[in-house]
Amino acid sequence: MLRILSVLIVIISLLGGGYYLSGGAIGFGDAIITSDLSNLRKRANLFLEDIQFKDFDSAAAHHENHLSETIDIPYLITRLFLVKPELLEILDYEIAYAKIDSSKLRGRVKYQINYKELVRNKFGKRELILYFYRPDTSSKWYLKLEDSLRKLAPDKTKIVN
């Protein structure tokens, strides 16, 4: 009996270690153990860590090189949380899910973020989905926020209601 219990403890420890080392990329159904999914989750976590510590230049660098200088991360924060970045404390964040499409070139990561508005002393929770892409399966993941963060001129040929 003691031997069976010891074997069970070893197996559970190995599975737990594998889960930890994979960045939590173990799932069920279409989310299976993959290094791509683990890399995507790590990249998304690095981006949110940069925002949490107000390193906006580093957060912008998660986009392709030619876009990183045009990305306005403080604008993103103000738009999402309705407060200026210096008045916001991101307490913690957790990945709700991460998925990669069938082409393995697009991915998305959904977060639940707990935060505090410093002036109002108000706590809140937001959900955020980050979209990623890569040119080919051997490339690293790039964040796809630039369309909503750059100041773009409206297309005069399209009708807006």
Protein backbone atom coordinates (compact mmCIF):
# COMPACT_ATOMS: atom_id res chain seq x y z
CA MET A 1 0.00 0.00 0.00
CA LEU A 2 2.83 2.38 0.86
CA ARG A 3 4.51 1.61 -2.46
CA ILE A 4 1.35 2.48 -4.44
CA LEU A 5 0.95 5.70 -2.51
CA SER A 6 4.59 6.64 -3.21
CA VAL A 7 4.17 5.96 -6.93
CA LEU A 8 1.00 8.08 -7.01
CA ILE A 9 2.79 10.98 -5.29
CA VAL A 10 5.66 10.79 -7.79
CA ILE A 11 3.26 10.76 -10.77
CA ILE A 12 1.26 13.70 -9.42
CA SER A 13 4.49 15.62 -8.76
CA LEU A 14 5.72 15.00 -12.31
CA LEU A 15 2.41 16.10 -13.81
CA GLY A 16 2.38 19.23 -11.64
CA GLY A 17 5.97 20.04 -12.64
CA GLY A 18 5.12 19.57 -16.30
CA TYR A 19 2.13 21.87 -15.95
CA TYR A 20 4.28 24.52 -14.26
CA LEU A 21 7.08 24.28 -16.85
CA SER A 22 4.64 24.45 -19.76
CA GLY A 23 3.31 27.76 -18.50
CA GLY A 24 -0.06 26.21 -17.81
CA ALA A 25 -0.53 25.18 -21.44
CA ILE A 26 -2.13 21.88 -20.54
CA GLY A 27 -5.81 21.79 -21.36
CA PHE A 28 -8.63 19.70 -22.73
CA GLY A 29 -10.29 19.51 -26.11
CA ASP A 30 -8.59 21.70 -28.68
CA ALA A 31 -6.18 23.26 -26.16
CA ILE A 32 -3.54 20.56 -25.79
CA ILE A 33 0.03 20.65 -24.55
CA THR A 34 2.01 22.67 -27.10
CA SER A 35 5.08 24.82 -26.92
CA ASP A 36 3.31 27.33 -29.23
CA LEU A 37 0.51 27.80 -26.73
CA SER A 38 2.97 28.05 -23.87
CA ASN A 39 4.99 30.68 -25.76
CA LEU A 40 1.82 32.62 -26.54
CA ARG A 41 0.79 32.62 -22.87
CA LYS A 42 4.27 33.72 -21.77
CA ARG A 43 4.34 36.54 -24.33
CA ALA A 44 0.92 37.78 -23.17
CA ASN A 45 2.00 37.62 -19.52
CA LEU A 46 5.14 39.65 -20.30
CA PHE A 47 3.00 42.32 -21.95
CA LEU A 48 0.68 42.63 -18.96
CA GLU A 49 3.63 42.60 -16.57
CA ASP A 50 5.09 45.55 -18.49
CA ILE A 51 1.78 47.39 -18.13
CA GLN A 52 1.53 46.49 -14.43
CA PHE A 53 4.95 48.03 -13.82
CA LYS A 54 4.25 51.01 -16.13
CA ASP A 55 7.05 50.12 -18.56
CA PHE A 56 5.20 51.41 -21.62
CA ASP A 57 8.18 51.32 -23.99
CA SER A 58 8.72 47.65 -23.23
CA ALA A 59 4.98 46.97 -23.59
CA ALA A 60 5.00 48.63 -27.02
CA ALA A 61 7.97 46.45 -28.04
CA HIS A 62 5.68 43.40 -28.10
CA HIS A 63 4.53 44.68 -31.50
CA GLU A 64 6.59 44.38 -34.67
CA ASN A 65 9.63 46.66 -34.70
CA HIS A 66 8.27 49.10 -37.27
CA LEU A 67 5.11 49.63 -35.18
CA SER A 68 6.46 49.80 -31.64
CA GLU A 69 7.24 53.53 -31.75
CA THR A 70 3.69 54.43 -32.84
CA ILE A 71 1.90 52.45 -30.13
CA ASP A 72 0.26 54.50 -27.38
CA ILE A 73 0.01 52.17 -24.36
CA PRO A 74 -1.15 54.88 -21.90
CA TYR A 75 -4.06 55.55 -24.28
CA LEU A 76 -4.97 51.85 -24.15
CA ILE A 77 -4.98 51.92 -20.35
CA THR A 78 -7.12 55.06 -20.23
CA ARG A 79 -9.57 53.58 -22.74
CA LEU A 80 -9.87 50.24 -20.92
CA PHE A 81 -10.02 51.39 -17.32
CA LEU A 82 -11.35 54.94 -17.76
CA VAL A 83 -8.57 56.36 -15.56
CA LYS A 84 -5.11 57.70 -16.31
CA PRO A 85 -2.30 55.13 -16.00
CA GLU A 86 -0.73 56.88 -13.02
CA LEU A 87 -4.03 56.56 -11.11
CA LEU A 88 -4.35 52.82 -11.74
CA GLU A 89 -2.85 49.91 -9.88
CA ILE A 90 -3.15 46.52 -11.55
CA LEU A 91 -3.31 44.16 -8.60
CA ASP A 92 -3.25 40.85 -10.45
CA TYR A 93 -4.27 39.17 -13.66
CA GLU A 94 -5.09 35.64 -14.67
CA ILE A 95 -5.41 33.91 -18.02
CA ALA A 96 -8.96 32.67 -18.51
CA TYR A 97 -8.01 30.89 -21.74
CA ALA A 98 -5.52 30.94 -24.59
CA LYS A 99 -6.18 29.60 -28.08
CA ILE A 100 -4.35 29.27 -31.37
CA ASP A 101 -6.22 28.96 -34.66
CA SER A 102 -5.86 26.06 -37.09
CA SER A 103 -3.24 27.89 -39.21
CA LYS A 104 -1.05 28.28 -36.07
CA LEU A 105 -0.46 31.90 -37.13
CA ARG A 106 -3.09 33.66 -34.99
CA GLY A 107 -3.72 33.43 -31.30
CA ARG A 108 -5.71 35.07 -28.56
CA VAL A 109 -5.44 35.22 -24.81
CA LYS A 110 -8.30 36.27 -22.53
CA TYR A 111 -7.47 37.80 -19.15
CA GLN A 112 -9.34 38.66 -16.00
CA ILE A 113 -7.67 41.68 -14.44
CA ASN A 114 -8.22 42.95 -10.89
CA TYR A 115 -7.33 46.59 -10.38
CA LYS A 116 -7.64 49.52 -8.02
CA GLU A 117 -8.39 53.15 -8.91
CA LEU A 118 -6.04 55.00 -6.57
CA VAL A 119 -7.85 58.33 -6.24
CA ARG A 120 -11.32 56.86 -5.69
CA ASN A 121 -9.98 53.89 -3.71
CA LYS A 122 -12.30 51.75 -5.84
CA PHE A 123 -11.61 48.13 -6.80
CA GLY A 124 -12.73 46.63 -10.07
CA LYS A 125 -12.40 43.73 -12.47
CA ARG A 126 -12.01 43.86 -16.25
CA GLU A 127 -11.74 41.28 -18.97
CA LEU A 128 -9.31 41.79 -21.81
CA ILE A 129 -8.59 39.76 -24.93
CA LEU A 130 -5.17 40.18 -26.51
CA TYR A 131 -4.75 39.14 -30.14
CA PHE A 132 -1.44 37.88 -31.52
CA TYR A 133 -0.11 36.92 -34.92
CA ARG A 134 3.11 35.75 -36.51
CA PRO A 135 4.30 35.67 -40.11
CA ASP A 136 5.11 31.95 -40.03
CA THR A 137 5.17 29.12 -37.49
CA SER A 138 8.88 29.56 -36.74
CA SER A 139 8.52 33.28 -35.88
CA LYS A 140 7.78 34.76 -32.47
CA TRP A 141 4.33 36.05 -31.54
CA TYR A 142 3.53 39.75 -32.07
CA LEU A 143 0.77 41.63 -30.33
CA LYS A 144 -1.98 42.95 -32.61
CA LEU A 145 -3.14 46.11 -30.84
CA GLU A 146 -1.81 48.73 -33.20
CA ASP A 147 -5.02 49.26 -35.15
CA SER A 148 -6.90 50.40 -32.07
CA LEU A 149 -4.02 52.31 -30.50
CA ARG A 150 -2.70 54.36 -33.40
CA LYS A 151 -4.49 57.49 -34.44
CA LEU A 152 -5.82 56.55 -37.83
CA ALA A 153 -7.63 58.83 -40.23
CA PRO A 154 -11.14 57.57 -41.02
CA ASP A 155 -11.74 56.08 -44.46
CA LYS A 156 -13.90 58.70 -46.25
CA THR A 157 -15.12 56.11 -48.78
CA LYS A 158 -16.91 54.02 -46.15
CA ILE A 159 -20.21 54.86 -44.53
CA VAL A 160 -20.23 55.09 -40.73
CA ASN A 161 -23.54 54.93 -38.86
